[in-house]
């Protein structure tokens, strides 16, 4: 029983580490979204010529952030699926 608890504690520690990584990644994405908001304000405030350059930059930032967010979501999904399968196997082994 002690070994099982130790194993579960180790797995919990791994999950907590994964959670911290995902929290950091989401914080990075939130910062990028803040940059996009600033660009939107700049587009509204600038003259016509400057707007075109800012629109191009904004479109690039949006595409990059969207791609990063989708990739992050896919990574989380893959990682959680793997962890769930691992726990299922462990539970089957414990129930034996």
PDB file of N, CA and C in Angstrom:
ATOM      1  N   UNK A   1       0.827  -1.185   0.000  1.00  0.00           N
ATOM      2  CA  UNK A   1       0.000   0.000   0.000  1.00  0.00           C
ATOM      3  C   UNK A   1       0.879   1.260   0.000  1.00  0.00           C
ATOM      4  N   UNK A   2       1.959   1.228   0.782  1.00  0.00           N
ATOM      5  CA  UNK A   2       2.868   2.381   0.854  1.00  0.00           C
ATOM      6  C   UNK A   2       3.470   2.679  -0.515  1.00  0.00           C
ATOM      7  N   UNK A   3       3.849   1.631  -1.226  1.00  0.00           N
ATOM      8  CA  UNK A   3       4.425   1.806  -2.567  1.00  0.00           C
ATOM      9  C   UNK A   3       3.415   2.453  -3.515  1.00  0.00           C
ATOM     10  N   UNK A   4       2.156   2.004  -3.417  1.00  0.00           N
ATOM     11  CA  UNK A   4       1.113   2.567  -4.276  1.00  0.00           C
ATOM     12  C   UNK A   4       0.925   4.053  -3.996  1.00  0.00           C
ATOM     13  N   UNK A   5       0.918   4.428  -2.714  1.00  0.00           N
ATOM     14  CA  UNK A   5       0.770   5.843  -2.352  1.00  0.00           C
ATOM     15  C   UNK A   5       1.957   6.661  -2.850  1.00  0.00           C
ATOM     16  N   UNK A   6       3.137   6.098  -2.732  1.00  0.00           N
ATOM     17  CA  UNK A   6       4.335   6.785  -3.209  1.00  0.00           C
ATOM     18  C   UNK A   6       4.266   6.990  -4.726  1.00  0.00           C
ATOM     19  N   UNK A   7       3.820   5.976  -5.431  1.00  0.00           N
ATOM     20  CA  UNK A   7       3.675   6.074  -6.887  1.00  0.00           C
ATOM     21  C   UNK A   7       2.645   7.133  -7.253  1.00  0.00           C
ATOM     22  N   UNK A   8       1.525   7.132  -6.542  1.00  0.00           N
ATOM     23  CA  UNK A   8       0.488   8.132  -6.819  1.00  0.00           C
ATOM     24  C   UNK A   8       0.981   9.545  -6.500  1.00  0.00           C
ATOM     25  N   UNK A   9       1.757   9.698  -5.419  1.00  0.00           N
ATOM     26  CA  UNK A   9       2.346  11.004  -5.090  1.00  0.00           C
ATOM     27  C   UNK A   9       3.286  11.475  -6.194  1.00  0.00           C
ATOM     28  N   UNK A  10       4.067  10.554  -6.738  1.00  0.00           N
ATOM     29  CA  UNK A  10       4.976  10.908  -7.832  1.00  0.00           C
ATOM     30  C   UNK A  10       4.190  11.351  -9.059  1.00  0.00           C
ATOM     31  N   UNK A  11       3.146  10.637  -9.364  1.00  0.00           N
ATOM     32  CA  UNK A  11       2.315  11.001 -10.517  1.00  0.00           C
ATOM     33  C   UNK A  11       1.650  12.363 -10.299  1.00  0.00           C
ATOM     34  N   UNK A  12       1.193  12.606  -9.084  1.00  0.00           N
ATOM     35  CA  UNK A  12       0.594  13.900  -8.768  1.00  0.00           C
ATOM     36  C   UNK A  12       1.615  15.014  -8.957  1.00  0.00           C
ATOM     37  N   UNK A  13       2.838  14.765  -8.517  1.00  0.00           N
ATOM     38  CA  UNK A  13       3.907  15.745  -8.706  1.00  0.00           C
ATOM     39  C   UNK A  13       4.146  16.041 -10.176  1.00  0.00           C
ATOM     40  N   UNK A  14       4.096  15.009 -10.997  1.00  0.00           N
ATOM     41  CA  UNK A  14       4.261  15.204 -12.442  1.00  0.00           C
ATOM     42  C   UNK A  14       3.117  16.036 -13.007  1.00  0.00           C
ATOM     43  N   UNK A  15       1.899  15.738 -12.571  1.00  0.00           N
ATOM     44  CA  UNK A  15       0.750  16.514 -13.030  1.00  0.00           C
ATOM     45  C   UNK A  15       0.876  17.976 -12.619  1.00  0.00           C
ATOM     46  N   UNK A  16       1.329  18.205 -11.393  1.00  0.00           N
ATOM     47  CA  UNK A  16       1.502  19.586 -10.929  1.00  0.00           C
ATOM     48  C   UNK A  16       2.544  20.311 -11.770  1.00  0.00           C
ATOM     49  N   UNK A  17       3.609  19.606 -12.144  1.00  0.00           N
ATOM     50  CA  UNK A  17       4.623  20.199 -13.012  1.00  0.00           C
ATOM     51  C   UNK A  17       4.061  20.532 -14.379  1.00  0.00           C
ATOM     52  N   UNK A  18       3.266  19.625 -14.906  1.00  0.00           N
ATOM     53  CA  UNK A  18       2.628  19.854 -16.205  1.00  0.00           C
ATOM     54  C   UNK A  18       1.676  21.042 -16.109  1.00  0.00           C
ATOM     55  N   UNK A  19       0.940  21.113 -15.009  1.00  0.00           N
ATOM     56  CA  UNK A  19       0.012  22.227 -14.824  1.00  0.00           C
ATOM     57  C   UNK A  19       0.764  23.556 -14.803  1.00  0.00           C
ATOM     58  N   UNK A  20       1.891  23.611 -14.123  1.00  0.00           N
ATOM     59  CA  UNK A  20       2.692  24.836 -14.080  1.00  0.00           C
ATOM     60  C   UNK A  20       3.175  25.221 -15.477  1.00  0.00           C
ATOM     61  N   UNK A  21       3.599  24.241 -16.255  1.00  0.00           N
ATOM     62  CA  UNK A  21       4.040  24.522 -17.627  1.00  0.00           C
ATOM     63  C   UNK A  21       2.898  25.096 -18.459  1.00  0.00           C
ATOM     64  N   UNK A  22       1.725  24.506 -18.327  1.00  0.00           N
ATOM     65  CA  UNK A  22       0.574  24.992 -19.087  1.00  0.00           C
ATOM     66  C   UNK A  22       0.150  26.380 -18.614  1.00  0.00           C
ATOM     67  N   UNK A  23       0.211  26.613 -17.315  1.00  0.00           N
ATOM     68  CA  UNK A  23      -0.112  27.944 -16.797  1.00  0.00           C
ATOM     69  C   UNK A  23       0.837  28.990 -17.368  1.00  0.00           C
ATOM     70  N   UNK A  24       2.121  28.660 -17.441  1.00  0.00           N
ATOM     71  CA  UNK A  24       3.107  29.588 -17.995  1.00  0.00           C
ATOM     72  C   UNK A  24       2.837  29.845 -19.470  1.00  0.00           C
ATOM     73  N   UNK A  25       2.525  28.795 -20.194  1.00  0.00           N
ATOM     74  CA  UNK A  25       2.250  28.932 -21.634  1.00  0.00           C
ATOM     75  C   UNK A  25       1.029  29.814 -21.866  1.00  0.00           C
ATOM     76  N   UNK A  26      -0.008  29.603 -21.063  1.00  0.00           N
ATOM     77  CA  UNK A  26      -1.206  30.427 -21.194  1.00  0.00           C
ATOM     78  C   UNK A  26      -0.923  31.877 -20.819  1.00  0.00           C
ATOM     79  N   UNK A  27      -0.070  32.102 -19.824  1.00  0.00           N
ATOM     80  CA  UNK A  27       0.318  33.475 -19.467  1.00  0.00           C
ATOM     81  C   UNK A  27       1.036  34.139 -20.638  1.00  0.00           C
ATOM     82  N   UNK A  28       1.889  33.388 -21.322  1.00  0.00           N
ATOM     83  CA  UNK A  28       2.573  33.920 -22.511  1.00  0.00           C
ATOM     84  C   UNK A  28       1.563  34.301 -23.593  1.00  0.00           C
ATOM     85  N   UNK A  29       0.589  33.453 -23.794  1.00  0.00           N
ATOM     86  CA  UNK A  29      -0.437  33.727 -24.800  1.00  0.00           C
ATOM     87  C   UNK A  29      -1.247  34.962 -24.402  1.00  0.00           C
ATOM     88  N   UNK A  30      -1.562  35.096 -23.113  1.00  0.00           N
ATOM     89  CA  UNK A  30      -2.290  36.277 -22.645  1.00  0.00           C
ATOM     90  C   UNK A  30      -1.492  37.550 -22.899  1.00  0.00           C
ATOM     91  N   UNK A  31      -0.179  37.495 -22.712  1.00  0.00           N
ATOM     92  CA  UNK A  31       0.663  38.661 -22.999  1.00  0.00           C
ATOM     93  C   UNK A  31       0.597  39.016 -24.481  1.00  0.00           C
ATOM     94  N   UNK A  32       0.624  38.008 -25.320  1.00  0.00           N
ATOM     95  CA  UNK A  32       0.539  38.256 -26.764  1.00  0.00           C
ATOM     96  C   UNK A  32      -0.800  38.881 -27.125  1.00  0.00           C
ATOM     97  N   UNK A  33      -1.856  38.413 -26.476  1.00  0.00           N
ATOM     98  CA  UNK A  33      -3.169  39.003 -26.728  1.00  0.00           C
ATOM     99  C   UNK A  33      -3.198  40.458 -26.273  1.00  0.00           C
ATOM    100  N   UNK A  34      -2.493  40.768 -25.193  1.00  0.00           N
ATOM    101  CA  UNK A  34      -2.374  42.158 -24.752  1.00  0.00           C
ATOM    102  C   UNK A  34      -1.681  43.004 -25.804  1.00  0.00           C
ATOM    103  N   UNK A  35      -0.648  42.455 -26.423  1.00  0.00           N
ATOM    104  CA  UNK A  35       0.055  43.156 -27.504  1.00  0.00           C
ATOM    105  C   UNK A  35      -0.894  43.412 -28.668  1.00  0.00           C
ATOM    106  N   UNK A  36      -1.715  42.441 -28.970  1.00  0.00           N
ATOM    107  CA  UNK A  36      -2.686  42.596 -30.053  1.00  0.00           C
ATOM    108  C   UNK A  36      -3.672  43.715 -29.717  1.00  0.00           C
ATOM    109  N   UNK A  37      -4.117  43.774 -28.465  1.00  0.00           N
ATOM    110  CA  UNK A  37      -5.036  44.841 -28.062  1.00  0.00           C
ATOM    111  C   UNK A  37      -4.403  46.214 -28.251  1.00  0.00           C
ATOM    112  N   UNK A  38      -3.126  46.335 -27.909  1.00  0.00           N
ATOM    113  CA  UNK A  38      -2.416  47.602 -28.098  1.00  0.00           C
ATOM    114  C   UNK A  38      -2.353  47.945 -29.581  1.00  0.00           C
ATOM    115  N   UNK A  39      -2.055  46.958 -30.409  1.00  0.00           N
ATOM    116  CA  UNK A  39      -2.012  47.194 -31.854  1.00  0.00           C
ATOM    117  C   UNK A  39      -3.367  47.651 -32.388  1.00  0.00           C
ATOM    118  N   UNK A  40      -4.431  47.069 -31.876  1.00  0.00           N
ATOM    119  CA  UNK A  40      -5.773  47.479 -32.306  1.00  0.00           C
ATOM    120  C   UNK A  40      -6.016  48.943 -31.943  1.00  0.00           C
ATOM    121  N   UNK A  41      -5.648  49.340 -30.738  1.00  0.00           N
ATOM    122  CA  UNK A  41      -5.797  50.750 -30.338  1.00  0.00           C
ATOM    123  C   UNK A  41      -4.972  51.652 -31.240  1.00  0.00           C
ATOM    124  N   UNK A  42      -3.749  51.198 -31.563  1.00  0.00           N
ATOM    125  CA  UNK A  42      -2.882  51.988 -32.443  1.00  0.00           C
ATOM    126  C   UNK A  42      -3.491  52.142 -33.830  1.00  0.00           C
ATOM    127  N   UNK A  43      -4.082  51.064 -34.340  1.00  0.00           N
ATOM    128  CA  UNK A  43      -4.713  51.122 -35.663  1.00  0.00           C
ATOM    129  C   UNK A  43      -5.827  52.166 -35.659  1.00  0.00           C
ATOM    130  N   UNK A  44      -6.593  52.184 -34.595  1.00  0.00           N
ATOM    131  CA  UNK A  44      -7.699  53.145 -34.508  1.00  0.00           C
ATOM    132  C   UNK A  44      -7.192  54.581 -34.402  1.00  0.00           C
ATOM    133  N   UNK A  45      -6.041  54.763 -33.779  1.00  0.00           N
ATOM    134  CA  UNK A  45      -5.534  56.111 -33.519  1.00  0.00           C
ATOM    135  C   UNK A  45      -4.706  56.691 -34.663  1.00  0.00           C
ATOM    136  N   UNK A  46      -4.088  55.852 -35.462  1.00  0.00           N
ATOM    137  CA  UNK A  46      -3.156  56.323 -36.494  1.00  0.00           C
ATOM    138  C   UNK A  46      -3.867  56.779 -37.763  1.00  0.00           C
ATOM    139  N   UNK A  47      -3.106  57.478 -38.610  1.00  0.00           N
ATOM    140  CA  UNK A  47      -3.604  57.902 -39.913  1.00  0.00           C
ATOM    141  C   UNK A  47      -3.686  56.724 -40.871  1.00  0.00           C
ATOM    142  N   UNK A  48      -4.183  56.991 -42.073  1.00  0.00           N
ATOM    143  CA  UNK A  48      -4.444  55.933 -43.058  1.00  0.00           C
ATOM    144  C   UNK A  48      -3.199  55.115 -43.413  1.00  0.00           C
ATOM    145  N   UNK A  49      -2.086  55.777 -43.713  1.00  0.00           N
ATOM    146  CA  UNK A  49      -0.869  55.044 -44.114  1.00  0.00           C
ATOM    147  C   UNK A  49      -0.355  54.153 -42.996  1.00  0.00           C
ATOM    148  N   UNK A  50      -0.338  54.712 -41.808  1.00  0.00           N
ATOM    149  CA  UNK A  50       0.139  53.938 -40.664  1.00  0.00           C
ATOM    150  C   UNK A  50      -0.803  52.772 -40.367  1.00  0.00           C
ATOM    151  N   UNK A  51      -2.070  52.973 -40.642  1.00  0.00           N
ATOM    152  CA  UNK A  51      -3.048  51.910 -40.377  1.00  0.00           C
ATOM    153  C   UNK A  51      -2.748  50.652 -41.181  1.00  0.00           C
ATOM    154  N   UNK A  52      -2.379  50.825 -42.420  1.00  0.00           N
ATOM    155  CA  UNK A  52      -2.102  49.656 -43.257  1.00  0.00           C
ATOM    156  C   UNK A  52      -0.950  48.831 -42.691  1.00  0.00           C
ATOM    157  N   UNK A  53       0.105  49.504 -42.272  1.00  0.00           N
ATOM    158  CA  UNK A  53       1.244  48.791 -41.674  1.00  0.00           C
ATOM    159  C   UNK A  53       0.823  48.117 -40.372  1.00  0.00           C
ATOM    160  N   UNK A  54       0.044  48.828 -39.566  1.00  0.00           N
ATOM    161  CA  UNK A  54      -0.413  48.254 -38.304  1.00  0.00           C
ATOM    162  C   UNK A  54      -1.384  47.096 -38.537  1.00  0.00           C
ATOM    163  N   UNK A  55      -2.220  47.213 -39.542  1.00  0.00           N
ATOM    164  CA  UNK A  55      -3.136  46.109 -39.857  1.00  0.00           C
ATOM    165  C   UNK A  55      -2.365  44.854 -40.254  1.00  0.00           C
ATOM    166  N   UNK A  56      -1.328  45.048 -41.040  1.00  0.00           N
ATOM    167  CA  UNK A  56      -0.496  43.915 -41.444  1.00  0.00           C
ATOM    168  C   UNK A  56       0.147  43.270 -40.219  1.00  0.00           C
ATOM    169  N   UNK A  57       0.695  44.095 -39.344  1.00  0.00           N
ATOM    170  CA  UNK A  57       1.313  43.589 -38.111  1.00  0.00           C
ATOM    171  C   UNK A  57       0.268  42.889 -37.247  1.00  0.00           C
ATOM    172  N   UNK A  58      -0.891  43.490 -37.135  1.00  0.00           N
ATOM    173  CA  UNK A  58      -1.963  42.914 -36.334  1.00  0.00           C
ATOM    174  C   UNK A  58      -2.393  41.556 -36.884  1.00  0.00           C
ATOM    175  N   UNK A  59      -2.572  41.475 -38.184  1.00  0.00           N
ATOM    176  CA  UNK A  59      -2.957  40.202 -38.801  1.00  0.00           C
ATOM    177  C   UNK A  59      -1.903  39.133 -38.533  1.00  0.00           C
ATOM    178  N   UNK A  60      -0.647  39.520 -38.601  1.00  0.00           N
ATOM    179  CA  UNK A  60       0.445  38.587 -38.331  1.00  0.00           C
ATOM    180  C   UNK A  60       0.414  38.117 -36.878  1.00  0.00           C
ATOM    181  N   UNK A  61       0.228  39.055 -35.952  1.00  0.00           N
ATOM    182  CA  UNK A  61       0.175  38.718 -34.522  1.00  0.00           C
ATOM    183  C   UNK A  61      -1.010  37.798 -34.220  1.00  0.00           C
ATOM    184  N   UNK A  62      -2.150  38.097 -34.808  1.00  0.00           N
ATOM    185  CA  UNK A  62      -3.337  37.272 -34.575  1.00  0.00           C
ATOM    186  C   UNK A  62      -3.108  35.857 -35.096  1.00  0.00           C
ATOM    187  N   UNK A  63      -2.572  35.745 -36.295  1.00  0.00           N
ATOM    188  CA  UNK A  63      -2.309  34.422 -36.875  1.00  0.00           C
ATOM    189  C   UNK A  63      -1.324  33.638 -36.002  1.00  0.00           C
ATOM    190  N   UNK A  64      -0.257  34.297 -35.592  1.00  0.00           N
ATOM    191  CA  UNK A  64       0.767  33.641 -34.777  1.00  0.00           C
ATOM    192  C   UNK A  64       0.193  33.189 -33.437  1.00  0.00           C
ATOM    193  N   UNK A  65      -0.580  34.051 -32.796  1.00  0.00           N
ATOM    194  CA  UNK A  65      -1.161  33.716 -31.495  1.00  0.00           C
ATOM    195  C   UNK A  65      -2.193  32.601 -31.633  1.00  0.00           C
ATOM    196  N   UNK A  66      -3.002  32.660 -32.673  1.00  0.00           N
ATOM    197  CA  UNK A  66      -3.999  31.621 -32.912  1.00  0.00           C
ATOM    198  C   UNK A  66      -3.320  30.268 -33.127  1.00  0.00           C
ATOM    199  N   UNK A  67      -2.282  30.255 -33.940  1.00  0.00           N
ATOM    200  CA  UNK A  67      -1.544  29.024 -34.203  1.00  0.00           C
ATOM    201  C   UNK A  67      -0.938  28.478 -32.914  1.00  0.00           C
ATOM    202  N   UNK A  68      -0.368  29.365 -32.118  1.00  0.00           N
ATOM    203  CA  UNK A  68       0.237  28.949 -30.849  1.00  0.00           C
ATOM    204  C   UNK A  68      -0.817  28.407 -29.890  1.00  0.00           C
ATOM    205  N   UNK A  69      -1.954  29.065 -29.812  1.00  0.00           N
ATOM    206  CA  UNK A  69      -3.015  28.626 -28.914  1.00  0.00           C
ATOM    207  C   UNK A  69      -3.563  27.264 -29.334  1.00  0.00           C
ATOM    208  N   UNK A  70      -3.787  27.076 -30.615  1.00  0.00           N
ATOM    209  CA  UNK A  70      -4.274  25.783 -31.113  1.00  0.00           C
ATOM    210  C   UNK A  70      -3.252  24.687 -30.816  1.00  0.00           C
ATOM    211  N   UNK A  71      -1.981  24.971 -31.043  1.00  0.00           N
ATOM    212  CA  UNK A  71      -0.930  24.001 -30.736  1.00  0.00           C
ATOM    213  C   UNK A  71      -0.898  23.651 -29.262  1.00  0.00           C
ATOM    214  N   UNK A  72      -1.058  24.672 -28.419  1.00  0.00           N
ATOM    215  CA  UNK A  72      -1.060  24.444 -26.975  1.00  0.00           C
ATOM    216  C   UNK A  72      -2.236  23.547 -26.581  1.00  0.00           C
ATOM    217  N   UNK A  73      -3.397  23.834 -27.109  1.00  0.00           N
ATOM    218  CA  UNK A  73      -4.580  23.025 -26.798  1.00  0.00           C
ATOM    219  C   UNK A  73      -4.373  21.581 -27.246  1.00  0.00           C
ATOM    220  N   UNK A  74      -3.812  21.378 -28.417  1.00  0.00           N
ATOM    221  CA  UNK A  74      -3.549  20.021 -28.907  1.00  0.00           C
ATOM    222  C   UNK A  74      -2.539  19.302 -28.017  1.00  0.00           C
ATOM    223  N   UNK A  75      -1.508  20.022 -27.561  1.00  0.00           N
ATOM    224  CA  UNK A  75      -0.518  19.416 -26.668  1.00  0.00           C
ATOM    225  C   UNK A  75      -1.144  19.009 -25.344  1.00  0.00           C
ATOM    226  N   UNK A  76      -1.985  19.870 -24.788  1.00  0.00           N
ATOM    227  CA  UNK A  76      -2.655  19.551 -23.525  1.00  0.00           C
ATOM    228  C   UNK A  76      -3.535  18.321 -23.709  1.00  0.00           C
ATOM    229  N   UNK A  77      -4.289  18.290 -24.786  1.00  0.00           N
ATOM    230  CA  UNK A  77      -5.177  17.156 -25.054  1.00  0.00           C
ATOM    231  C   UNK A  77      -4.377  15.855 -25.155  1.00  0.00           C
ATOM    232  N   UNK A  78      -3.290  15.881 -25.901  1.00  0.00           N
ATOM    233  CA  UNK A  78      -2.453  14.690 -26.075  1.00  0.00           C
ATOM    234  C   UNK A  78      -1.858  14.246 -24.746  1.00  0.00           C
ATOM    235  N   UNK A  79      -1.345  15.208 -23.997  1.00  0.00           N
ATOM    236  CA  UNK A  79      -0.712  14.886 -22.723  1.00  0.00           C
ATOM    237  C   UNK A  79      -1.721  14.320 -21.730  1.00  0.00           C
ATOM    238  N   UNK A  80      -2.894  14.928 -21.649  1.00  0.00           N
ATOM    239  CA  UNK A  80      -3.906  14.436 -20.722  1.00  0.00           C
ATOM    240  C   UNK A  80      -4.406  13.052 -21.126  1.00  0.00           C
ATOM    241  N   UNK A  81      -4.567  12.819 -22.401  1.00  0.00           N
ATOM    242  CA  UNK A  81      -4.985  11.498 -22.873  1.00  0.00           C
ATOM    243  C   UNK A  81      -3.966  10.445 -22.455  1.00  0.00           C
ATOM    244  N   UNK A  82      -2.695  10.762 -22.610  1.00  0.00           N
ATOM    245  CA  UNK A  82      -1.628   9.842 -22.221  1.00  0.00           C
ATOM    246  C   UNK A  82      -1.664   9.573 -20.718  1.00  0.00           C
ATOM    247  N   UNK A  83      -1.832  10.629 -19.932  1.00  0.00           N
ATOM    248  CA  UNK A  83      -1.870  10.468 -18.469  1.00  0.00           C
ATOM    249  C   UNK A  83      -3.079   9.634 -18.048  1.00  0.00           C
ATOM    250  N   UNK A  84      -4.219   9.880 -18.657  1.00  0.00           N
ATOM    251  CA  UNK A  84      -5.426   9.126 -18.321  1.00  0.00           C
ATOM    252  C   UNK A  84      -5.231   7.647 -18.630  1.00  0.00           C
ATOM    253  N   UNK A  85      -4.659   7.346 -19.783  1.00  0.00           N
ATOM    254  CA  UNK A  85      -4.400   5.949 -20.145  1.00  0.00           C
ATOM    255  C   UNK A  85      -3.434   5.303 -19.152  1.00  0.00           C
ATOM    256  N   UNK A  86      -2.428   6.043 -18.742  1.00  0.00           N
ATOM    257  CA  UNK A  86      -1.462   5.529 -17.779  1.00  0.00           C
ATOM    258  C   UNK A  86      -2.137   5.216 -16.446  1.00  0.00           C
ATOM    259  N   UNK A  87      -3.000   6.121 -15.990  1.00  0.00           N
ATOM    260  CA  UNK A  87      -3.730   5.879 -14.745  1.00  0.00           C
ATOM    261  C   UNK A  87      -4.661   4.679 -14.874  1.00  0.00           C
ATOM    262  N   UNK A  88      -5.320   4.548 -15.997  1.00  0.00           N
ATOM    263  CA  UNK A  88      -6.204   3.391 -16.201  1.00  0.00           C
ATOM    264  C   UNK A  88      -5.422   2.090 -16.073  1.00  0.00           C
ATOM    265  N   UNK A  89      -4.258   2.041 -16.714  1.00  0.00           N
ATOM    266  CA  UNK A  89      -3.423   0.843 -16.641  1.00  0.00           C
ATOM    267  C   UNK A  89      -2.990   0.576 -15.202  1.00  0.00           C
ATOM    268  N   UNK A  90      -2.645   1.635 -14.489  1.00  0.00           N
ATOM    269  CA  UNK A  90      -2.218   1.466 -13.101  1.00  0.00           C
ATOM    270  C   UNK A  90      -3.369   0.963 -12.237  1.00  0.00           C
ATOM    271  N   UNK A  91      -4.555   1.507 -12.437  1.00  0.00           N
ATOM    272  CA  UNK A  91      -5.717   1.086 -11.654  1.00  0.00           C
ATOM    273  C   UNK A  91      -6.041  -0.380 -11.929  1.00  0.00           C
ATOM    274  N   UNK A  92      -5.981  -0.775 -13.185  1.00  0.00           N
ATOM    275  CA  UNK A  92      -6.219  -2.182 -13.539  1.00  0.00           C
ATOM    276  C   UNK A  92      -5.184  -3.059 -12.847  1.00  0.00           C
ATOM    277  N   UNK A  93      -3.930  -2.619 -12.813  1.00  0.00           N
ATOM    278  CA  UNK A  93      -2.872  -3.384 -12.160  1.00  0.00           C
ATOM    279  C   UNK A  93      -3.079  -3.494 -10.659  1.00  0.00           C
ATOM    280  N   UNK A  94      -3.544  -2.418 -10.020  1.00  0.00           N
ATOM    281  CA  UNK A  94      -3.779  -2.428  -8.571  1.00  0.00           C
ATOM    282  C   UNK A  94      -4.962  -3.320  -8.239  1.00  0.00           C
ATOM    283  N   UNK A  95      -5.993  -3.253  -9.054  1.00  0.00           N
ATOM    284  CA  UNK A  95      -7.178  -4.076  -8.808  1.00  0.00           C
ATOM    285  C   UNK A  95      -6.901  -5.542  -9.104  1.00  0.00           C
ATOM    286  N   UNK A  96      -5.941  -5.754 -10.039  1.00  0.00           N
ATOM    287  CA  UNK A  96      -5.435  -7.052 -10.408  1.00  0.00           C
ATOM    288  C   UNK A  96      -6.402  -8.102 -10.606  1.00  0.00           C
TER     289      UNK A  96
END
